[in-house]
Protein backbone atom coordinates (compact mmCIF):
# COMPACT_ATOMS: atom_id res chain seq x y z
CA MET A 1 -29.44 7.97 -1.04
CA PRO A 2 -26.27 9.90 0.46
CA ARG A 3 -22.56 8.97 -0.42
CA ALA A 4 -20.63 7.78 2.78
CA ARG A 5 -17.78 9.88 3.95
CA SER A 6 -14.57 9.37 2.57
CA THR A 7 -12.05 8.17 5.07
CA PHE A 8 -9.07 9.98 3.60
CA LYS A 9 -8.53 12.64 1.42
CA LEU A 10 -6.47 13.19 -1.31
CA ALA A 11 -3.92 15.17 0.18
CA ASP A 12 -3.46 12.74 3.04
CA VAL A 13 -2.34 10.62 0.16
CA THR A 14 -0.36 13.66 -2.09
CA ARG A 15 1.62 14.31 1.18
CA ALA A 16 2.73 10.44 1.83
CA ILE A 17 4.07 10.00 -1.48
CA ARG A 18 5.78 13.37 -1.10
CA ALA A 19 7.21 12.01 1.97
CA VAL A 20 8.49 8.68 0.49
CA GLU A 21 9.62 10.72 -3.11
CA ALA A 22 11.64 12.83 -0.78
CA ALA A 23 12.88 9.76 0.92
CA GLY A 24 15.26 8.93 -2.29
CA LYS A 25 12.22 6.00 -3.43
CA ASP A 26 9.79 4.93 -6.58
CA VAL A 27 6.18 4.61 -5.04
CA VAL A 28 5.26 1.55 -7.04
CA ARG A 29 1.74 0.96 -5.28
CA THR A 30 -0.76 2.93 -3.68
CA GLN A 31 -3.48 0.69 -2.38
CA ILE A 32 -5.81 2.67 0.18
CA LEU A 33 -8.03 0.24 2.27
CA PRO A 34 -11.16 0.70 4.02
CA ASP A 35 -10.58 1.81 7.05
CA GLY A 36 -8.82 5.07 5.33
CA THR A 37 -5.26 3.35 5.64
CA ILE A 38 -3.03 3.77 2.97
CA VAL A 39 -0.32 1.96 1.71
CA LEU A 40 1.90 2.46 -0.30
CA ILE A 41 4.94 0.36 -2.00
CA HIS A 42 8.56 1.59 -3.22
CA GLY A 43 11.16 0.82 -4.62
CA PRO A 44 13.53 0.00 -6.55
CA GLU A 45 13.83 -3.10 -5.59
CA VAL A 46 10.81 -3.67 -5.73
CA THR A 47 9.56 -4.43 -9.23
CA SER A 48 6.95 -6.88 -9.65
CA ILE A 49 3.83 -7.76 -7.10
CA GLY A 50 0.85 -10.76 -7.48
CA PRO A 51 -2.28 -10.05 -7.89
CA VAL A 52 -4.24 -8.78 -4.17
CA SER A 53 -7.11 -9.01 -3.86
CA ASP A 54 -9.44 -12.54 -5.78
CA PHE A 55 -10.45 -9.31 -8.50
CA ASP A 56 -7.02 -9.28 -9.02
CA ARG A 57 -6.60 -12.70 -9.20
CA LEU A 58 -9.13 -13.59 -11.63
CA GLU A 59 -8.53 -10.34 -14.04
CA ALA A 60 -4.74 -12.21 -14.02
CA GLU A 61 -6.14 -15.24 -15.25
CA LEU A 62 -8.21 -13.62 -18.41
């Protein structure tokens, strides 16, 4: 069974992270959605975020 085609490239993620860092922010979390959307959460004002997915919530409870 062939693998599904990737919806994003490493270069896309790298470019997005470099842009955030060039703006003087630190990337504290990176999330890539199934449709290929890249979400970067930057700080330093963000210190901690809670669990995002059901798996994260379950893992946090253990």
